Amino acid sequence: MTPNEIPKEKPNPERVAVLRSLPLEVKEKITGEEAAAFMYCRPLPDSLLEKLKEYIVLDEKDQQA
């Protein structure tokens, strides 16, 4: 895929703000692929969920699964 073929989607500003608000030691562990998945509302890799487990609040429906 060439740069001209990449869709011009924009990151979710609220999610960008969340990433920026994380402590530096957490941000340093997040890969570019994980950050992109989070900012662009894509399915989150398990590796990212593990890194953010102290900051994630599950919905009630997620806790029943």
PDB file of N, CA and C in Angstrom:
ATOM      1  N   MET A   1       0.856  -1.181   0.000  1.00  0.00           N
ATOM      2  CA  MET A   1       0.000   0.000   0.000  1.00  0.00           C
ATOM      3  C   MET A   1       0.897   1.239   0.000  1.00  0.00           C
ATOM      4  N   THR A   2       0.658   2.126  -0.908  1.00  0.00           N
ATOM      5  CA  THR A   2       1.455   3.351  -0.987  1.00  0.00           C
ATOM      6  C   THR A   2       0.829   4.414  -0.099  1.00  0.00           C
ATOM      7  N   PRO A   3       1.601   5.456   0.243  1.00  0.00           N
ATOM      8  CA  PRO A   3       1.032   6.524   1.093  1.00  0.00           C
ATOM      9  C   PRO A   3      -0.235   7.139   0.512  1.00  0.00           C
ATOM     10  N   ASN A   4      -0.363   7.155  -0.810  1.00  0.00           N
ATOM     11  CA  ASN A   4      -1.560   7.739  -1.435  1.00  0.00           C
ATOM     12  C   ASN A   4      -2.781   6.845  -1.274  1.00  0.00           C
ATOM     13  N   GLU A   5      -2.571   5.551  -0.966  1.00  0.00           N
ATOM     14  CA  GLU A   5      -3.685   4.626  -0.817  1.00  0.00           C
ATOM     15  C   GLU A   5      -4.186   4.527   0.614  1.00  0.00           C
ATOM     16  N   ILE A   6      -3.468   5.107   1.564  1.00  0.00           N
ATOM     17  CA  ILE A   6      -3.872   5.052   2.965  1.00  0.00           C
ATOM     18  C   ILE A   6      -5.109   5.921   3.164  1.00  0.00           C
ATOM     19  N   PRO A   7      -6.163   5.361   3.760  1.00  0.00           N
ATOM     20  CA  PRO A   7      -7.374   6.164   3.982  1.00  0.00           C
ATOM     21  C   PRO A   7      -7.080   7.367   4.875  1.00  0.00           C
ATOM     22  N   LYS A   8      -7.781   8.430   4.625  1.00  0.00           N
ATOM     23  CA  LYS A   8      -7.561   9.679   5.367  1.00  0.00           C
ATOM     24  C   LYS A   8      -8.447   9.767   6.599  1.00  0.00           C
ATOM     25  N   GLU A   9      -8.523   8.681   7.357  1.00  0.00           N
ATOM     26  CA  GLU A   9      -9.325   8.717   8.573  1.00  0.00           C
ATOM     27  C   GLU A   9      -8.599   9.537   9.637  1.00  0.00           C
ATOM     28  N   LYS A  10      -9.375  10.102  10.528  1.00  0.00           N
ATOM     29  CA  LYS A  10      -8.804  10.922  11.595  1.00  0.00           C
ATOM     30  C   LYS A  10      -8.930  10.189  12.920  1.00  0.00           C
ATOM     31  N   PRO A  11      -7.932  10.354  13.787  1.00  0.00           N
ATOM     32  CA  PRO A  11      -8.017   9.702  15.092  1.00  0.00           C
ATOM     33  C   PRO A  11      -9.121  10.318  15.950  1.00  0.00           C
ATOM     34  N   ASN A  12      -9.654   9.528  16.850  1.00  0.00           N
ATOM     35  CA  ASN A  12     -10.672   9.986  17.784  1.00  0.00           C
ATOM     36  C   ASN A  12      -9.988  10.927  18.793  1.00  0.00           C
ATOM     37  N   PRO A  13     -10.367  12.216  18.826  1.00  0.00           N
ATOM     38  CA  PRO A  13      -9.684  13.181  19.703  1.00  0.00           C
ATOM     39  C   PRO A  13      -9.733  12.805  21.182  1.00  0.00           C
ATOM     40  N   GLU A  14     -10.824  12.189  21.618  1.00  0.00           N
ATOM     41  CA  GLU A  14     -10.918  11.786  23.025  1.00  0.00           C
ATOM     42  C   GLU A  14      -9.919  10.685  23.342  1.00  0.00           C
ATOM     43  N   ARG A  15      -9.740   9.768  22.407  1.00  0.00           N
ATOM     44  CA  ARG A  15      -8.789   8.680  22.622  1.00  0.00           C
ATOM     45  C   ARG A  15      -7.347   9.193  22.565  1.00  0.00           C
ATOM     46  N   VAL A  16      -7.095  10.151  21.703  1.00  0.00           N
ATOM     47  CA  VAL A  16      -5.758  10.765  21.654  1.00  0.00           C
ATOM     48  C   VAL A  16      -5.459  11.418  23.003  1.00  0.00           C
ATOM     49  N   ALA A  17      -6.438  12.124  23.547  1.00  0.00           N
ATOM     50  CA  ALA A  17      -6.264  12.775  24.848  1.00  0.00           C
ATOM     51  C   ALA A  17      -5.992  11.743  25.947  1.00  0.00           C
ATOM     52  N   VAL A  18      -6.665  10.598  25.886  1.00  0.00           N
ATOM     53  CA  VAL A  18      -6.442   9.541  26.876  1.00  0.00           C
ATOM     54  C   VAL A  18      -5.001   9.055  26.792  1.00  0.00           C
ATOM     55  N   LEU A  19      -4.523   8.784  25.582  1.00  0.00           N
ATOM     56  CA  LEU A  19      -3.139   8.322  25.435  1.00  0.00           C
ATOM     57  C   LEU A  19      -2.148   9.358  25.966  1.00  0.00           C
ATOM     58  N   ARG A  20      -2.403  10.608  25.677  1.00  0.00           N
ATOM     59  CA  ARG A  20      -1.500  11.675  26.146  1.00  0.00           C
ATOM     60  C   ARG A  20      -1.499  11.799  27.663  1.00  0.00           C
ATOM     61  N   SER A  21      -2.606  11.433  28.298  1.00  0.00           N
ATOM     62  CA  SER A  21      -2.712  11.601  29.745  1.00  0.00           C
ATOM     63  C   SER A  21      -2.080  10.444  30.529  1.00  0.00           C
ATOM     64  N   LEU A  22      -1.694   9.383  29.840  1.00  0.00           N
ATOM     65  CA  LEU A  22      -1.096   8.239  30.528  1.00  0.00           C
ATOM     66  C   LEU A  22       0.278   8.596  31.085  1.00  0.00           C
ATOM     67  N   PRO A  23       0.683   7.953  32.160  1.00  0.00           N
ATOM     68  CA  PRO A  23       2.029   8.180  32.700  1.00  0.00           C
ATOM     69  C   PRO A  23       3.094   7.804  31.657  1.00  0.00           C
ATOM     70  N   LEU A  24       4.208   8.487  31.683  1.00  0.00           N
ATOM     71  CA  LEU A  24       5.274   8.277  30.713  1.00  0.00           C
ATOM     72  C   LEU A  24       5.722   6.824  30.655  1.00  0.00           C
ATOM     73  N   GLU A  25       5.839   6.170  31.809  1.00  0.00           N
ATOM     74  CA  GLU A  25       6.310   4.790  31.810  1.00  0.00           C
ATOM     75  C   GLU A  25       5.348   3.847  31.089  1.00  0.00           C
ATOM     76  N   VAL A  26       4.076   4.192  31.046  1.00  0.00           N
ATOM     77  CA  VAL A  26       3.095   3.389  30.303  1.00  0.00           C
ATOM     78  C   VAL A  26       3.189   3.722  28.819  1.00  0.00           C
ATOM     79  N   LYS A  27       3.242   5.008  28.488  1.00  0.00           N
ATOM     80  CA  LYS A  27       3.331   5.423  27.083  1.00  0.00           C
ATOM     81  C   LYS A  27       4.559   4.841  26.396  1.00  0.00           C
ATOM     82  N   GLU A  28       5.655   4.726  27.117  1.00  0.00           N
ATOM     83  CA  GLU A  28       6.891   4.200  26.524  1.00  0.00           C
ATOM     84  C   GLU A  28       6.760   2.735  26.123  1.00  0.00           C
ATOM     85  N   LYS A  29       5.835   2.016  26.733  1.00  0.00           N
ATOM     86  CA  LYS A  29       5.650   0.588  26.451  1.00  0.00           C
ATOM     87  C   LYS A  29       4.682   0.335  25.300  1.00  0.00           C
ATOM     88  N   ILE A  30       3.897   1.337  24.918  1.00  0.00           N
ATOM     89  CA  ILE A  30       2.876   1.160  23.880  1.00  0.00           C
ATOM     90  C   ILE A  30       3.518   1.292  22.498  1.00  0.00           C
ATOM     91  N   THR A  31       3.270   0.294  21.644  1.00  0.00           N
ATOM     92  CA  THR A  31       3.824   0.323  20.289  1.00  0.00           C
ATOM     93  C   THR A  31       2.983   1.237  19.392  1.00  0.00           C
ATOM     94  N   GLY A  32       3.526   1.577  18.263  1.00  0.00           N
ATOM     95  CA  GLY A  32       2.791   2.397  17.298  1.00  0.00           C
ATOM     96  C   GLY A  32       1.532   1.714  16.817  1.00  0.00           C
ATOM     97  N   GLU A  33       1.619   0.406  16.611  1.00  0.00           N
ATOM     98  CA  GLU A  33       0.457  -0.365  16.172  1.00  0.00           C
ATOM     99  C   GLU A  33      -0.635  -0.357  17.231  1.00  0.00           C
ATOM    100  N   GLU A  34      -0.250  -0.502  18.491  1.00  0.00           N
ATOM    101  CA  GLU A  34      -1.229  -0.486  19.589  1.00  0.00           C
ATOM    102  C   GLU A  34      -1.870   0.893  19.709  1.00  0.00           C
ATOM    103  N   ALA A  35      -1.063   1.939  19.610  1.00  0.00           N
ATOM    104  CA  ALA A  35      -1.589   3.311  19.709  1.00  0.00           C
ATOM    105  C   ALA A  35      -2.561   3.588  18.568  1.00  0.00           C
ATOM    106  N   ALA A  36      -2.210   3.164  17.366  1.00  0.00           N
ATOM    107  CA  ALA A  36      -3.089   3.389  16.212  1.00  0.00           C
ATOM    108  C   ALA A  36      -4.413   2.656  16.394  1.00  0.00           C
ATOM    109  N   ALA A  37      -4.360   1.428  16.859  1.00  0.00           N
ATOM    110  CA  ALA A  37      -5.601   0.675  17.086  1.00  0.00           C
ATOM    111  C   ALA A  37      -6.489   1.418  18.073  1.00  0.00           C
ATOM    112  N   PHE A  38      -5.901   1.939  19.135  1.00  0.00           N
ATOM    113  CA  PHE A  38      -6.668   2.660  20.145  1.00  0.00           C
ATOM    114  C   PHE A  38      -7.246   3.959  19.582  1.00  0.00           C
ATOM    115  N   MET A  39      -6.408   4.763  18.923  1.00  0.00           N
ATOM    116  CA  MET A  39      -6.841   6.077  18.432  1.00  0.00           C
ATOM    117  C   MET A  39      -7.863   5.989  17.318  1.00  0.00           C
ATOM    118  N   TYR A  40      -7.785   4.925  16.506  1.00  0.00           N
ATOM    119  CA  TYR A  40      -8.685   4.793  15.365  1.00  0.00           C
ATOM    120  C   TYR A  40      -9.839   3.828  15.638  1.00  0.00           C
ATOM    121  N   CYS A  41     -10.077   3.519  16.917  1.00  0.00           N
ATOM    122  CA  CYS A  41     -11.223   2.698  17.348  1.00  0.00           C
ATOM    123  C   CYS A  41     -11.267   1.335  16.667  1.00  0.00           C
ATOM    124  N   ARG A  42     -10.099   0.742  16.499  1.00  0.00           N
ATOM    125  CA  ARG A  42      -9.995  -0.604  15.935  1.00  0.00           C
ATOM    126  C   ARG A  42      -9.972  -1.613  17.078  1.00  0.00           C
ATOM    127  N   PRO A  43     -10.130  -2.889  16.767  1.00  0.00           N
ATOM    128  CA  PRO A  43     -10.025  -3.888  17.833  1.00  0.00           C
ATOM    129  C   PRO A  43      -8.669  -3.771  18.541  1.00  0.00           C
ATOM    130  N   LEU A  44      -8.700  -3.802  19.858  1.00  0.00           N
ATOM    131  CA  LEU A  44      -7.478  -3.610  20.635  1.00  0.00           C
ATOM    132  C   LEU A  44      -6.730  -4.922  20.806  1.00  0.00           C
ATOM    133  N   PRO A  45      -5.423  -4.895  20.547  1.00  0.00           N
ATOM    134  CA  PRO A  45      -4.627  -6.103  20.772  1.00  0.00           C
ATOM    135  C   PRO A  45      -4.588  -6.458  22.261  1.00  0.00           C
ATOM    136  N   ASP A  46      -4.502  -7.736  22.545  1.00  0.00           N
ATOM    137  CA  ASP A  46      -4.418  -8.181  23.942  1.00  0.00           C
ATOM    138  C   ASP A  46      -3.230  -7.552  24.651  1.00  0.00           C
ATOM    139  N   SER A  47      -2.131  -7.337  23.902  1.00  0.00           N
ATOM    140  CA  SER A  47      -0.936  -6.735  24.506  1.00  0.00           C
ATOM    141  C   SER A  47      -1.229  -5.333  25.033  1.00  0.00           C
ATOM    142  N   LEU A  48      -2.052  -4.578  24.320  1.00  0.00           N
ATOM    143  CA  LEU A  48      -2.407  -3.229  24.774  1.00  0.00           C
ATOM    144  C   LEU A  48      -3.337  -3.304  25.981  1.00  0.00           C
ATOM    145  N   LEU A  49      -4.279  -4.216  25.938  1.00  0.00           N
ATOM    146  CA  LEU A  49      -5.190  -4.368  27.074  1.00  0.00           C
ATOM    147  C   LEU A  49      -4.419  -4.712  28.340  1.00  0.00           C
ATOM    148  N   GLU A  50      -3.399  -5.536  28.213  1.00  0.00           N
ATOM    149  CA  GLU A  50      -2.573  -5.891  29.367  1.00  0.00           C
ATOM    150  C   GLU A  50      -1.841  -4.656  29.906  1.00  0.00           C
ATOM    151  N   LYS A  51      -1.319  -3.834  29.014  1.00  0.00           N
ATOM    152  CA  LYS A  51      -0.577  -2.634  29.426  1.00  0.00           C
ATOM    153  C   LYS A  51      -1.487  -1.599  30.080  1.00  0.00           C
ATOM    154  N   LEU A  52      -2.760  -1.585  29.685  1.00  0.00           N
ATOM    155  CA  LEU A  52      -3.695  -0.576  30.189  1.00  0.00           C
ATOM    156  C   LEU A  52      -4.643  -1.115  31.258  1.00  0.00           C
ATOM    157  N   LYS A  53      -4.414  -2.336  31.735  1.00  0.00           N
ATOM    158  CA  LYS A  53      -5.382  -2.963  32.641  1.00  0.00           C
ATOM    159  C   LYS A  53      -5.656  -2.145  33.896  1.00  0.00           C
ATOM    160  N   GLU A  54      -4.701  -1.366  34.363  1.00  0.00           N
ATOM    161  CA  GLU A  54      -4.926  -0.548  35.557  1.00  0.00           C
ATOM    162  C   GLU A  54      -5.762   0.698  35.267  1.00  0.00           C
ATOM    163  N   TYR A  55      -5.966   0.995  33.992  1.00  0.00           N
ATOM    164  CA  TYR A  55      -6.668   2.217  33.596  1.00  0.00           C
ATOM    165  C   TYR A  55      -8.002   1.942  32.913  1.00  0.00           C
ATOM    166  N   ILE A  56      -8.331   0.671  32.699  1.00  0.00           N
ATOM    167  CA  ILE A  56      -9.546   0.308  31.975  1.00  0.00           C
ATOM    168  C   ILE A  56     -10.668  -0.009  32.955  1.00  0.00           C
ATOM    169  N   VAL A  57     -11.843   0.526  32.677  1.00  0.00           N
ATOM    170  CA  VAL A  57     -13.038   0.210  33.438  1.00  0.00           C
ATOM    171  C   VAL A  57     -13.970  -0.521  32.475  1.00  0.00           C
ATOM    172  N   LEU A  58     -14.306  -1.760  32.814  1.00  0.00           N
ATOM    173  CA  LEU A  58     -15.163  -2.555  31.966  1.00  0.00           C
ATOM    174  C   LEU A  58     -16.631  -2.198  32.179  1.00  0.00           C
ATOM    175  N   ASP A  59     -17.389  -2.271  31.082  1.00  0.00           N
ATOM    176  CA  ASP A  59     -18.845  -2.096  31.193  1.00  0.00           C
ATOM    177  C   ASP A  59     -19.411  -3.294  31.938  1.00  0.00           C
ATOM    178  N   GLU A  60     -20.581  -3.108  32.518  1.00  0.00           N
ATOM    179  CA  GLU A  60     -21.227  -4.196  33.252  1.00  0.00           C
ATOM    180  C   GLU A  60     -21.423  -5.410  32.350  1.00  0.00           C
ATOM    181  N   LYS A  61     -21.807  -5.206  31.092  1.00  0.00           N
ATOM    182  CA  LYS A  61     -22.027  -6.321  30.166  1.00  0.00           C
ATOM    183  C   LYS A  61     -20.736  -7.081  29.893  1.00  0.00           C
ATOM    184  N   ASP A  62     -19.575  -6.388  29.907  1.00  0.00           N
ATOM    185  CA  ASP A  62     -18.288  -7.041  29.681  1.00  0.00           C
ATOM    186  C   ASP A  62     -17.911  -7.908  30.875  1.00  0.00           C
ATOM    187  N   GLN A  63     -18.293  -7.513  32.068  1.00  0.00           N
ATOM    188  CA  GLN A  63     -17.936  -8.252  33.257  1.00  0.00           C
ATOM    189  C   GLN A  63     -18.736  -9.536  33.401  1.00  0.00           C
ATOM    190  N   GLN A  64     -19.917  -9.600  32.759  1.00  0.00           N
ATOM    191  CA  GLN A  64     -20.761 -10.788  32.830  1.00  0.00           C
ATOM    192  C   GLN A  64     -20.325 -11.857  31.858  1.00  0.00           C
ATOM    193  N   ALA A  65     -19.495 -11.525  30.891  1.00  0.00           N
ATOM    194  CA  ALA A  65     -19.075 -12.488  29.859  1.00  0.00           C
ATOM    195  C   ALA A  65     -18.166 -13.551  30.403  1.00  0.00           C
TER     196      ALA A  65
END
